[in-house]
Amino acid sequence: MVQSKQDKTKKGQRKTVATFAQENRTVLLLSGLTVLVLLAIVAFAALITTGGKDAGNFTPNDQGLLPVGQQAPDFTAETVRDGDEISVGDGSGQATMLVFFATWCPHCNNEAPMISELESEYEDLRVVMVGIDGQDDPEKVREFVDRYDIESPAVYQPSLGPTYQVSGYPTTYVLDGEGKIVAAHSGEAPREVHEGWIEQALA
């Protein structure tokens, strides 16, 4: 039996369509897997940055920071609002929360309203906002704390970054009345975690 050229052409077309459909399914499958992998990476990165929303399971990201229990380095700096000096390690006996930040940092902007609330909630806590980024300056730091109604002292002193081994923003240290570090963390943290650190420092 001799197969007509028309039959051969139809079979070829059917084969081409089937092959094309199979290739489309493969591309769609690979695209779907790529999207899932990217979503998983984003979710994991967010979990690392924020520590998750469950304060009970929160683990501070203190790698590379000054260790808990160590005496915090002393420093004196000029505030950006009025030029007054503020000192840490001056023997004042006051619990202190140091927040190292950059004005352009999205995580710092996310936490700023909470810091404003915490400084009002804990009257015996001294908050010091420490700007250290090279893209900032005293005026930008002043504008940042004013924008978020943070009334606590704010300074701009980049040299404190290496002193406190800061490698990311925000980085928070909570010190007790003797100037010892009771908490150290790089990244955002839930409000409940901050409150736990503060209460430990005030105890």
Protein backbone atom coordinates (compact mmCIF):
# COMPACT_ATOMS: atom_id res chain seq x y z
CA MET A 1 0.00 0.00 0.00
CA VAL A 2 1.38 3.36 -1.02
CA GLN A 3 0.83 6.14 1.46
CA SER A 4 -0.25 9.38 -0.13
CA LYS A 5 1.76 12.53 0.33
CA GLN A 6 -1.33 14.13 1.93
CA ASP A 7 -1.50 11.42 4.61
CA LYS A 8 2.19 11.81 5.33
CA THR A 9 1.73 15.56 5.66
CA LYS A 10 -1.20 15.16 8.10
CA LYS A 11 0.77 12.72 10.24
CA GLY A 12 3.72 15.09 10.27
CA GLN A 13 1.48 17.93 11.34
CA ARG A 14 -0.07 15.81 14.12
CA LYS A 15 3.41 14.88 15.31
CA THR A 16 4.52 18.50 15.25
CA VAL A 17 1.45 19.62 17.26
CA ALA A 18 1.96 16.84 19.82
CA THR A 19 5.64 17.69 20.21
CA PHE A 20 4.80 21.40 20.60
CA ALA A 21 2.18 20.64 23.26
CA GLN A 22 4.64 18.44 25.16
CA GLU A 23 7.30 21.17 25.05
CA ASN A 24 4.74 23.72 26.28
CA ARG A 25 3.87 21.48 29.24
CA THR A 26 7.56 21.14 30.09
CA VAL A 27 8.10 24.92 29.95
CA LEU A 28 5.04 25.56 32.10
CA LEU A 29 6.17 22.95 34.64
CA LEU A 30 9.65 24.47 34.87
CA SER A 31 8.18 27.97 35.17
CA GLY A 32 5.91 26.82 37.98
CA LEU A 33 8.80 25.19 39.85
CA THR A 34 10.90 28.35 39.44
CA VAL A 35 8.12 30.50 40.93
CA LEU A 36 7.74 28.11 43.88
CA VAL A 37 11.48 28.14 44.56
CA LEU A 38 11.57 31.97 44.43
CA LEU A 39 8.60 32.21 46.82
CA ALA A 40 10.31 29.81 49.22
CA ILE A 41 13.51 31.89 49.13
CA VAL A 42 11.59 35.11 49.81
CA ALA A 43 9.68 33.53 52.69
CA PHE A 44 12.89 32.13 54.20
CA ALA A 45 14.64 35.50 53.90
CA ALA A 46 11.70 37.23 55.61
CA LEU A 47 11.78 34.66 58.40
CA ILE A 48 15.49 35.22 58.98
CA THR A 49 15.07 38.99 59.01
CA THR A 50 12.08 39.18 61.32
CA GLY A 51 12.57 36.03 63.31
CA GLY A 52 8.94 35.14 62.60
CA LYS A 53 5.93 36.60 64.32
CA ASP A 54 5.89 34.16 67.22
CA ALA A 55 7.87 35.82 69.98
CA GLY A 56 7.99 32.54 71.91
CA ASN A 57 10.09 30.94 69.16
CA PHE A 58 12.19 34.00 68.42
CA THR A 59 15.96 33.48 68.25
CA PRO A 60 18.09 36.66 68.21
CA ASN A 61 20.37 37.10 65.23
CA ASP A 62 23.46 37.96 67.24
CA GLN A 63 26.13 36.45 65.00
CA GLY A 64 29.17 38.71 64.90
CA LEU A 65 27.76 41.11 67.50
CA LEU A 66 29.16 41.87 70.93
CA PRO A 67 28.18 38.98 73.21
CA VAL A 68 25.47 39.12 75.84
CA GLY A 69 26.99 39.56 79.29
CA GLN A 70 29.86 41.72 78.05
CA GLN A 71 30.25 45.31 79.19
CA ALA A 72 29.11 47.64 76.43
CA PRO A 73 31.79 50.01 75.10
CA ASP A 74 31.60 53.50 76.59
CA PHE A 75 31.03 56.47 74.32
CA THR A 76 30.06 60.10 74.37
CA ALA A 77 28.36 61.69 71.36
CA GLU A 78 26.68 64.93 70.40
CA THR A 79 22.92 64.78 69.84
CA VAL A 80 21.60 65.92 66.46
CA ARG A 81 18.78 68.04 67.86
CA ASP A 82 20.44 70.43 70.28
CA GLY A 83 24.12 69.53 70.32
CA ASP A 84 24.04 68.29 73.90
CA GLU A 85 26.29 65.40 74.81
CA ILE A 86 25.01 61.98 75.77
CA SER A 87 27.16 59.28 77.32
CA VAL A 88 26.77 55.53 77.51
CA GLY A 89 28.75 53.82 80.23
CA ASP A 90 28.71 56.91 82.40
CA GLY A 91 27.57 55.01 85.48
CA SER A 92 24.08 56.53 85.37
CA GLY A 93 22.53 53.21 86.36
CA GLN A 94 19.91 53.56 83.65
CA ALA A 95 18.83 50.74 81.36
CA THR A 96 19.54 51.69 77.75
CA MET A 97 18.43 50.51 74.34
CA LEU A 98 20.83 51.40 71.52
CA VAL A 99 19.32 51.29 68.04
CA PHE A 100 21.87 51.48 65.20
CA PHE A 101 20.10 52.42 62.00
CA ALA A 102 20.17 54.02 58.56
CA THR A 103 17.47 56.44 57.48
CA TRP A 104 17.02 54.67 54.11
CA CYS A 105 16.69 51.20 55.65
CA PRO A 106 13.13 49.79 55.20
CA HIS A 107 13.39 47.60 58.31
CA CYS A 108 14.47 50.61 60.37
CA ASN A 109 11.46 52.54 59.09
CA ASN A 110 9.21 49.60 59.95
CA GLU A 111 10.43 49.47 63.54
CA ALA A 112 10.55 53.22 64.19
CA PRO A 113 6.88 53.62 65.23
CA MET A 114 7.27 50.76 67.69
CA ILE A 115 10.39 52.35 69.18
CA SER A 116 8.43 55.56 69.68
CA GLU A 117 5.76 53.60 71.55
CA LEU A 118 8.30 51.71 73.66
CA GLU A 119 10.05 54.88 74.82
CA SER A 120 6.69 56.16 76.07
CA GLU A 121 5.76 52.84 77.66
CA TYR A 122 8.95 52.44 79.69
CA GLU A 123 9.78 55.64 81.54
CA ASP A 124 12.91 54.15 83.14
CA LEU A 125 14.37 53.13 79.80
CA ARG A 126 16.75 55.36 77.90
CA VAL A 127 16.62 54.90 74.12
CA VAL A 128 19.51 56.18 72.01
CA MET A 129 19.09 56.25 68.24
CA VAL A 130 22.53 55.88 66.64
CA GLY A 131 22.94 56.82 62.99
CA ILE A 132 26.13 55.39 61.53
CA ASP A 133 25.58 54.99 57.78
CA GLY A 134 27.82 56.82 55.33
CA GLN A 135 24.85 57.93 53.22
CA ASP A 136 23.36 59.74 56.21
CA ASP A 137 24.31 62.89 58.08
CA PRO A 138 23.13 64.61 61.29
CA GLU A 139 20.29 66.40 59.49
CA LYS A 140 18.92 63.19 57.95
CA VAL A 141 19.08 61.47 61.34
CA ARG A 142 17.21 64.38 62.95
CA GLU A 143 14.53 64.28 60.26
CA PHE A 144 14.12 60.52 60.75
CA VAL A 145 13.49 60.66 64.50
CA ASP A 146 11.22 63.71 64.12
CA ARG A 147 9.18 61.93 61.43
CA TYR A 148 8.43 59.05 63.79
CA ASP A 149 8.03 61.17 66.95
CA ILE A 150 10.98 59.52 68.63
CA GLU A 151 11.79 61.91 71.47
CA SER A 152 14.84 60.05 72.75
CA PRO A 153 18.36 61.31 72.03
CA ALA A 154 19.67 60.67 68.53
CA VAL A 155 23.28 60.88 67.43
CA TYR A 156 25.20 60.52 64.19
CA GLN A 157 28.56 58.89 64.82
CA PRO A 158 29.69 56.39 62.15
CA SER A 159 32.73 55.36 64.20
CA LEU A 160 30.40 53.55 66.61
CA GLY A 161 29.52 51.00 63.93
CA PRO A 162 32.83 49.11 64.15
CA THR A 163 32.96 49.63 67.92
CA TYR A 164 29.69 47.77 68.31
CA GLN A 165 30.42 45.39 65.41
CA VAL A 166 27.35 46.46 63.46
CA SER A 167 27.07 44.85 60.02
CA GLY A 168 23.35 45.31 59.28
CA TYR A 169 20.38 47.56 60.03
CA PRO A 170 18.73 47.84 62.40
CA THR A 171 21.01 46.46 65.11
CA THR A 172 19.74 46.68 68.67
CA TYR A 173 21.60 46.35 71.94
CA VAL A 174 19.80 46.46 75.28
CA LEU A 175 21.96 47.27 78.31
CA ASP A 176 21.14 46.95 81.97
CA GLY A 177 21.81 49.64 84.57
CA GLU A 178 25.42 48.50 84.90
CA GLY A 179 26.07 48.81 81.18
CA LYS A 180 26.13 45.06 80.54
CA ILE A 181 24.59 43.73 77.34
CA VAL A 182 21.42 41.75 78.02
CA ALA A 183 20.34 41.46 74.37
CA ALA A 184 21.92 41.90 70.95
CA HIS A 185 20.12 41.47 67.66
CA SER A 186 20.52 42.41 64.01
CA GLY A 187 17.27 42.78 62.05
CA GLU A 188 13.66 43.40 62.94
CA ALA A 189 12.14 41.81 66.03
CA PRO A 190 8.56 41.57 67.32
CA ARG A 191 7.38 44.08 69.90
CA GLU A 192 6.95 41.33 72.51
CA VAL A 193 10.61 40.41 72.12
CA HIS A 194 11.71 44.02 72.64
CA GLU A 195 9.52 44.22 75.73
CA GLY A 196 11.10 41.06 77.12
CA TRP A 197 14.59 42.47 76.60
CA ILE A 198 13.65 45.78 78.20
CA GLU A 199 12.03 44.15 81.22
CA GLN A 200 15.12 42.00 81.69
CA ALA A 201 17.31 45.11 81.60
CA LEU A 202 15.09 46.92 84.10
CA ALA A 203 14.87 43.99 86.53
